[in-house]
N, C-alpha and C. Protein backbone atom coordinates (compact mmCIF):
# COMPACT_ATOMS: atom_id res chain seq x y z
N MET A 1 -12.13 -20.41 -14.49
CA MET A 1 -11.10 -20.97 -14.48
C MET A 1 -11.33 -22.27 -14.30
N THR A 2 -10.89 -23.29 -14.69
CA THR A 2 -11.03 -24.75 -14.19
C THR A 2 -9.70 -25.28 -13.10
N ASN A 3 -10.27 -26.18 -12.69
CA ASN A 3 -9.39 -26.87 -11.67
C ASN A 3 -8.11 -27.34 -12.26
N LEU A 4 -8.21 -28.07 -13.62
CA LEU A 4 -7.13 -28.12 -14.19
C LEU A 4 -6.06 -26.82 -14.74
N GLU A 5 -6.78 -25.81 -15.03
CA GLU A 5 -6.03 -24.72 -15.65
C GLU A 5 -5.61 -24.08 -14.22
N ILE A 6 -6.13 -24.12 -13.28
CA ILE A 6 -5.34 -23.66 -11.59
C ILE A 6 -4.01 -24.40 -11.35
N LYS A 7 -4.26 -25.71 -11.57
CA LYS A 7 -3.07 -26.72 -11.53
C LYS A 7 -2.07 -26.10 -12.42
N GLU A 8 -2.37 -26.33 -13.66
CA GLU A 8 -1.34 -26.42 -14.59
C GLU A 8 -0.43 -24.89 -14.52
N LEU A 9 -1.34 -23.52 -14.07
CA LEU A 9 -0.99 -22.56 -13.08
C LEU A 9 0.47 -22.43 -12.33
N ARG A 10 -0.40 -23.45 -11.14
CA ARG A 10 0.66 -23.63 -10.10
C ARG A 10 1.84 -24.65 -10.60
N ASN A 11 1.71 -24.91 -11.14
CA ASN A 11 2.67 -25.95 -11.79
C ASN A 11 4.19 -25.24 -12.84
N ASN A 12 3.34 -24.22 -13.01
CA ASN A 12 4.21 -23.26 -13.92
C ASN A 12 4.95 -22.53 -13.23
N SER A 13 6.10 -22.66 -12.91
CA SER A 13 7.25 -22.00 -12.01
C SER A 13 7.76 -20.50 -12.71
N GLU A 14 7.77 -20.49 -13.88
CA GLU A 14 7.89 -19.14 -14.41
C GLU A 14 6.81 -18.28 -14.44
N LYS A 15 5.73 -18.80 -14.78
CA LYS A 15 4.31 -17.72 -14.43
C LYS A 15 4.49 -17.34 -12.68
N ALA A 16 5.05 -18.35 -11.77
CA ALA A 16 4.82 -18.23 -10.52
C ALA A 16 5.82 -17.00 -10.11
N LYS A 17 7.10 -17.18 -10.80
CA LYS A 17 8.25 -15.96 -10.79
C LYS A 17 7.84 -14.70 -10.81
N LYS A 18 7.33 -14.69 -12.52
CA LYS A 18 6.54 -13.01 -13.04
C LYS A 18 5.54 -12.85 -11.71
N TYR A 19 4.32 -13.49 -11.50
CA TYR A 19 3.79 -12.89 -10.23
C TYR A 19 4.38 -12.79 -9.19
N PHE A 20 5.14 -13.22 -8.37
CA PHE A 20 5.87 -12.79 -6.84
C PHE A 20 6.93 -11.56 -7.47
N MET A 21 7.34 -11.40 -8.36
CA MET A 21 8.36 -10.50 -8.60
C MET A 21 7.49 -9.36 -8.85
N LYS A 22 6.45 -9.05 -9.25
CA LYS A 22 5.67 -8.12 -9.85
C LYS A 22 4.92 -7.70 -8.07
N GLN A 23 4.70 -8.72 -7.40
CA GLN A 23 3.74 -8.97 -5.69
C GLN A 23 5.17 -7.78 -5.19
N ILE A 24 6.41 -8.55 -4.88
CA ILE A 24 7.20 -7.95 -4.07
C ILE A 24 7.85 -6.43 -4.88
N ALA A 25 7.37 -5.94 -6.05
CA ALA A 25 7.95 -5.13 -6.69
C ALA A 25 6.84 -3.66 -6.01
N TYR A 26 5.67 -3.99 -5.99
CA TYR A 26 4.79 -2.96 -5.77
C TYR A 26 4.27 -2.74 -4.41
N THR A 27 4.34 -4.17 -3.55
CA THR A 27 4.00 -4.13 -2.17
C THR A 27 5.33 -4.41 -1.17
N LEU A 28 4.80 -3.69 0.18
CA LEU A 28 5.73 -4.07 1.21
C LEU A 28 5.07 -4.28 2.65
N GLY A 29 5.88 -4.73 3.67
CA GLY A 29 5.25 -5.49 4.92
C GLY A 29 5.42 -4.16 5.62
N PRO A 30 4.77 -4.23 6.83
CA PRO A 30 4.90 -3.22 8.14
C PRO A 30 6.82 -2.85 8.24
N VAL A 31 7.38 -4.28 8.29
CA VAL A 31 8.74 -4.23 9.02
C VAL A 31 9.27 -3.43 7.55
N GLU A 32 9.15 -3.68 6.38
CA GLU A 32 9.91 -2.69 5.52
C GLU A 32 9.63 -1.67 5.25
N LEU A 33 8.29 -1.21 5.53
CA LEU A 33 7.54 0.35 5.81
C LEU A 33 8.51 1.18 6.70
N LYS A 34 8.49 0.66 8.06
CA LYS A 34 9.20 1.10 8.93
C LYS A 34 10.80 1.03 8.83
N ASP A 35 11.10 0.10 8.30
CA ASP A 35 12.77 0.54 7.87
C ASP A 35 12.87 1.60 7.00
N LEU A 36 12.26 2.01 5.80
CA LEU A 36 12.09 3.08 4.90
C LEU A 36 11.81 4.02 5.70
N MET A 37 10.80 4.32 6.61
CA MET A 37 10.40 5.38 7.57
C MET A 37 11.56 5.73 8.14
N ASP A 38 12.54 5.05 8.89
CA ASP A 38 13.72 5.36 9.54
C ASP A 38 14.62 5.88 8.83
N GLU A 39 14.91 5.71 7.49
CA GLU A 39 15.62 5.99 6.68
C GLU A 39 15.16 7.48 6.00
N GLY A 40 14.11 7.89 6.46
CA GLY A 40 13.37 8.85 5.25
C GLY A 40 13.35 8.89 4.10
N LYS A 41 12.86 7.38 3.63
CA LYS A 41 12.77 7.36 2.30
C LYS A 41 11.49 7.04 1.62
N VAL A 42 10.59 7.62 2.32
CA VAL A 42 9.18 7.04 2.00
C VAL A 42 8.48 8.36 2.33
N LYS A 43 6.81 8.27 1.75
CA LYS A 43 5.82 9.36 1.81
C LYS A 43 4.81 8.33 1.82
N ILE A 44 3.86 8.56 3.49
CA ILE A 44 2.89 7.33 3.84
C ILE A 44 1.77 8.08 3.23
N ILE A 45 0.57 7.62 2.66
CA ILE A 45 -0.73 8.31 2.19
C ILE A 45 -1.60 7.32 2.52
N ASP A 46 -2.34 7.79 3.79
CA ASP A 46 -3.46 7.02 4.36
C ASP A 46 -4.47 7.50 3.91
N VAL A 47 -5.49 6.33 2.92
CA VAL A 47 -6.78 6.53 2.15
C VAL A 47 -7.88 6.43 3.04
N ARG A 48 -7.52 5.98 4.34
CA ARG A 48 -8.93 5.71 5.06
C ARG A 48 -9.25 6.96 5.35
N ASN A 49 -10.78 7.03 5.73
CA ASN A 49 -11.73 8.22 5.81
C ASN A 49 -10.89 9.32 7.09
N GLU A 50 -11.27 10.21 6.91
CA GLU A 50 -10.76 11.53 7.98
C GLU A 50 -11.01 11.13 9.21
N ALA A 51 -11.95 10.77 9.73
CA ALA A 51 -12.49 10.43 10.84
C ALA A 51 -11.40 9.20 11.04
N ASP A 52 -11.47 8.25 10.77
CA ASP A 52 -10.70 7.21 11.32
C ASP A 52 -9.32 7.09 11.54
N TYR A 53 -8.68 8.17 10.39
CA TYR A 53 -7.09 8.64 10.59
C TYR A 53 -6.95 9.54 11.74
N GLU A 54 -8.08 10.60 11.97
CA GLU A 54 -7.94 11.40 13.28
C GLU A 54 -7.81 10.56 14.52
N ILE A 55 -8.69 9.20 14.89
CA ILE A 55 -8.34 8.71 15.66
C ILE A 55 -7.21 7.80 16.10
N SER A 56 -6.35 7.44 14.60
CA SER A 56 -5.18 7.03 15.15
C SER A 56 -4.49 6.81 13.48
N HIS A 57 -3.13 6.82 13.70
CA HIS A 57 -2.94 6.37 12.16
C HIS A 57 -1.04 6.25 12.05
N ILE A 58 -0.53 5.96 11.21
CA ILE A 58 0.89 5.73 11.08
C ILE A 58 1.73 7.10 11.09
N PRO A 59 2.28 6.96 12.38
CA PRO A 59 3.30 8.67 12.04
C PRO A 59 4.06 9.06 10.91
N GLY A 60 3.73 10.51 10.58
CA GLY A 60 4.03 10.83 9.44
C GLY A 60 3.27 10.70 8.46
N SER A 61 2.41 9.85 8.67
CA SER A 61 1.29 9.73 7.32
C SER A 61 0.63 10.87 7.20
N ILE A 62 0.04 11.20 5.91
CA ILE A 62 -0.81 12.09 5.67
C ILE A 62 -2.13 11.62 5.26
N SER A 63 -3.30 12.39 5.78
CA SER A 63 -4.47 11.78 5.42
C SER A 63 -4.98 12.49 3.83
N MET A 64 -5.00 11.42 3.15
CA MET A 64 -5.83 11.70 1.85
C MET A 64 -7.32 10.67 1.37
N PRO A 65 -8.29 10.51 2.09
CA PRO A 65 -9.01 9.65 1.70
C PRO A 65 -9.29 9.58 -0.02
N TYR A 66 -9.19 8.43 -0.36
CA TYR A 66 -9.32 7.83 -1.42
C TYR A 66 -10.17 8.92 -2.48
N GLU A 67 -11.57 9.45 -2.26
CA GLU A 67 -12.19 10.31 -3.04
C GLU A 67 -11.72 11.68 -3.24
N THR A 68 -10.13 12.26 -2.18
CA THR A 68 -9.85 13.45 -2.52
C THR A 68 -8.61 13.32 -2.89
N ILE A 69 -8.09 12.14 -3.71
CA ILE A 69 -6.79 11.80 -4.34
C ILE A 69 -6.56 13.05 -5.74
N GLU A 70 -7.26 13.03 -6.65
CA GLU A 70 -7.05 13.84 -7.68
C GLU A 70 -7.14 15.69 -7.02
N ALA A 71 -7.79 15.73 -6.06
CA ALA A 71 -7.68 17.00 -5.59
C ALA A 71 -6.39 17.63 -4.76
N ASN A 72 -5.54 16.28 -4.62
CA ASN A 72 -4.59 16.63 -3.64
C ASN A 72 -3.26 15.91 -4.25
N THR A 73 -3.21 15.96 -5.21
CA THR A 73 -1.60 15.25 -5.97
C THR A 73 -0.60 16.43 -5.70
N ASP A 74 -0.77 17.56 -5.35
CA ASP A 74 0.22 18.37 -5.09
C ASP A 74 0.81 18.14 -3.71
N LYS A 75 0.28 17.15 -2.96
CA LYS A 75 0.66 17.00 -1.53
C LYS A 75 1.86 15.69 -1.77
N LEU A 76 1.75 14.84 -3.34
CA LEU A 76 2.82 13.99 -3.61
C LEU A 76 4.01 13.95 -4.22
N SER A 77 4.64 13.17 -4.01
CA SER A 77 5.92 13.38 -4.76
C SER A 77 6.31 12.17 -5.65
N LYS A 78 6.69 12.87 -6.91
CA LYS A 78 7.21 12.18 -8.04
C LYS A 78 8.66 11.33 -7.85
N GLU A 79 9.26 12.06 -6.69
CA GLU A 79 10.79 11.99 -6.65
C GLU A 79 11.24 10.57 -5.67
N GLU A 80 10.11 10.42 -4.68
CA GLU A 80 9.86 9.20 -3.62
C GLU A 80 8.65 8.78 -3.57
N THR A 81 9.19 7.46 -3.08
CA THR A 81 7.88 6.20 -3.01
C THR A 81 6.77 6.76 -2.26
N ASN A 82 5.43 6.51 -2.85
CA ASN A 82 4.48 6.84 -1.76
C ASN A 82 3.26 5.68 -1.38
N VAL A 83 3.65 5.54 -0.25
CA VAL A 83 3.41 4.11 0.28
C VAL A 83 1.72 4.17 0.73
N ILE A 84 0.62 3.64 0.15
CA ILE A 84 -0.38 3.70 0.11
C ILE A 84 -0.98 2.90 1.52
N CYS A 85 -1.85 3.18 2.21
CA CYS A 85 -2.00 2.80 3.60
C CYS A 85 -3.49 2.59 3.61
N CYS A 86 -4.62 1.55 3.69
CA CYS A 86 -5.54 1.41 3.76
C CYS A 86 -6.03 1.08 5.14
N TYR A 87 -6.84 0.00 5.19
CA TYR A 87 -7.98 -0.30 6.36
C TYR A 87 -7.15 -1.63 6.76
N ASN A 88 -7.15 -2.81 5.90
CA ASN A 88 -6.80 -3.92 6.42
C ASN A 88 -6.46 -4.77 5.04
N GLN A 89 -6.23 -6.12 5.10
CA GLN A 89 -5.96 -6.73 4.15
C GLN A 89 -7.32 -7.10 3.11
N GLN A 90 -8.34 -6.90 3.61
CA GLN A 90 -9.63 -7.27 2.49
C GLN A 90 -10.04 -5.96 2.00
N CYS A 91 -9.15 -4.62 2.27
CA CYS A 91 -9.66 -3.41 1.98
C CYS A 91 -8.84 -3.35 0.08
N HIS A 92 -9.69 -3.07 -0.65
CA HIS A 92 -9.09 -2.85 -1.94
C HIS A 92 -9.00 -1.16 -1.96
N LEU A 93 -9.30 -0.32 -1.17
CA LEU A 93 -8.69 1.48 -1.33
C LEU A 93 -7.45 1.38 -1.45
N GLY A 94 -6.58 0.87 -1.25
CA GLY A 94 -5.28 1.11 -0.95
C GLY A 94 -4.64 0.72 -2.51
N ALA A 95 -5.11 -0.49 -3.13
CA ALA A 95 -4.80 -0.91 -4.70
C ALA A 95 -5.46 0.01 -5.47
N ARG A 96 -6.80 0.21 -5.36
CA ARG A 96 -7.30 1.42 -5.90
C ARG A 96 -6.75 2.61 -6.17
N ALA A 97 -5.95 3.46 -4.83
CA ALA A 97 -5.62 4.56 -5.02
C ALA A 97 -4.40 4.16 -5.35
N CYS A 98 -3.56 3.17 -5.36
CA CYS A 98 -2.43 2.83 -6.36
C CYS A 98 -2.43 3.28 -7.59
N LEU A 99 -3.48 2.37 -8.21
CA LEU A 99 -3.94 2.59 -9.48
C LEU A 99 -3.92 3.64 -10.01
N LYS A 100 -4.60 4.53 -9.23
CA LYS A 100 -5.10 5.89 -9.68
C LYS A 100 -3.89 6.82 -9.97
N LEU A 101 -2.88 6.70 -8.49
CA LEU A 101 -1.58 7.16 -8.58
C LEU A 101 -0.96 7.16 -9.67
N ALA A 102 -0.82 5.77 -10.12
CA ALA A 102 0.31 5.34 -11.39
C ALA A 102 -0.44 5.98 -12.44
N ASP A 103 -1.41 5.85 -12.63
CA ASP A 103 -2.32 6.71 -13.63
C ASP A 103 -1.95 8.19 -13.80
N TYR A 104 -1.23 8.66 -12.71
CA TYR A 104 -1.17 9.99 -12.83
C TYR A 104 0.98 10.23 -12.70
N GLY A 105 1.31 9.11 -13.09
CA GLY A 105 2.68 9.05 -12.86
C GLY A 105 3.14 9.05 -11.46
N TYR A 106 2.91 8.94 -10.52
CA TYR A 106 3.74 8.74 -9.14
C TYR A 106 4.00 7.28 -9.01
N PRO A 107 5.45 7.06 -8.42
CA PRO A 107 5.67 5.93 -8.03
C PRO A 107 5.12 5.47 -6.45
N CYS A 108 4.38 4.19 -6.99
CA CYS A 108 3.33 3.87 -5.46
C CYS A 108 3.72 2.19 -5.04
N MET A 109 3.61 2.31 -3.74
CA MET A 109 3.62 0.76 -3.10
C MET A 109 2.21 0.72 -2.76
N HIS A 110 1.84 -0.70 -1.99
CA HIS A 110 0.62 -0.84 -1.54
C HIS A 110 0.84 -1.42 -0.04
N LEU A 111 0.84 -1.11 1.06
CA LEU A 111 1.02 -1.59 2.56
C LEU A 111 0.25 -2.87 2.87
N ASP A 112 0.68 -3.86 2.48
CA ASP A 112 0.03 -5.05 2.72
C ASP A 112 -0.37 -5.31 4.08
N GLY A 113 -1.68 -5.89 4.37
CA GLY A 113 -2.33 -5.29 5.59
C GLY A 113 -2.63 -4.08 6.13
N GLY A 114 -2.56 -3.18 5.31
CA GLY A 114 -3.05 -2.27 5.84
C GLY A 114 -2.66 -1.69 7.43
N PHE A 115 -3.48 -0.78 7.44
CA PHE A 115 -3.04 0.17 9.41
C PHE A 115 -3.55 -1.09 10.03
N LYS A 116 -4.60 -1.94 10.11
CA LYS A 116 -4.60 -2.89 11.20
C LYS A 116 -3.42 -3.83 11.02
N THR A 117 -2.74 -4.40 10.46
CA THR A 117 -1.78 -5.07 10.36
C THR A 117 -0.86 -4.56 11.38
N TRP A 118 -0.32 -3.08 10.64
CA TRP A 118 0.60 -2.48 11.17
C TRP A 118 0.30 -2.27 12.68
N LYS A 119 -0.74 -1.96 13.07
CA LYS A 119 -0.82 -1.46 14.44
C LYS A 119 -1.27 -2.63 15.04
N GLU A 120 -2.14 -3.62 14.77
CA GLU A 120 -2.55 -4.64 15.96
C GLU A 120 -1.64 -5.83 15.86
N GLU A 121 -1.13 -6.39 14.35
CA GLU A 121 -0.45 -7.59 14.39
C GLU A 121 1.32 -7.16 14.56
N PHE A 122 1.73 -6.08 14.36
CA PHE A 122 2.99 -5.72 14.55
C PHE A 122 3.47 -4.79 16.04
N GLY A 123 2.17 -4.35 16.47
CA GLY A 123 2.42 -3.33 17.39
C GLY A 123 2.99 -1.80 17.07
N PHE A 124 3.47 -1.58 15.68
CA PHE A 124 3.98 -0.50 15.70
C PHE A 124 3.68 0.82 16.50
N ALA A 125 4.24 1.79 16.29
CA ALA A 125 3.82 3.26 16.89
C ALA A 125 2.84 3.75 15.95
N THR A 126 1.94 4.12 16.60
CA THR A 126 0.57 5.30 16.15
C THR A 126 0.49 6.41 16.63
N THR A 127 -0.09 7.37 16.24
CA THR A 127 -0.40 8.50 16.30
C THR A 127 -1.85 8.81 16.78
């Protein structure tokens, strides 16, 4: 993509609107997740490796390392939102897990910033 193409995209408010609407629809931050947890309206799926989950995780989350998703779909719900948590902002396991779950028909969202943001930047409780 050229600099001119990028500039044209940045100046196209309709394309920006569509992009940010999709971003808001499929991602959430720690505060929004905490609110959903308080209302009991969410299932949190931690796709980090099991050893890291055992060290610390978001309360109420279930461990489902990315490689095990297909074998564990019986633990998921198609009636509630499944929020996927991975390591950090740069980790793509969460996005990959969301794509896989969407392929199987499960509603899902991705926690922006992952576990690191939940714990270190917001200081929310961990187990």
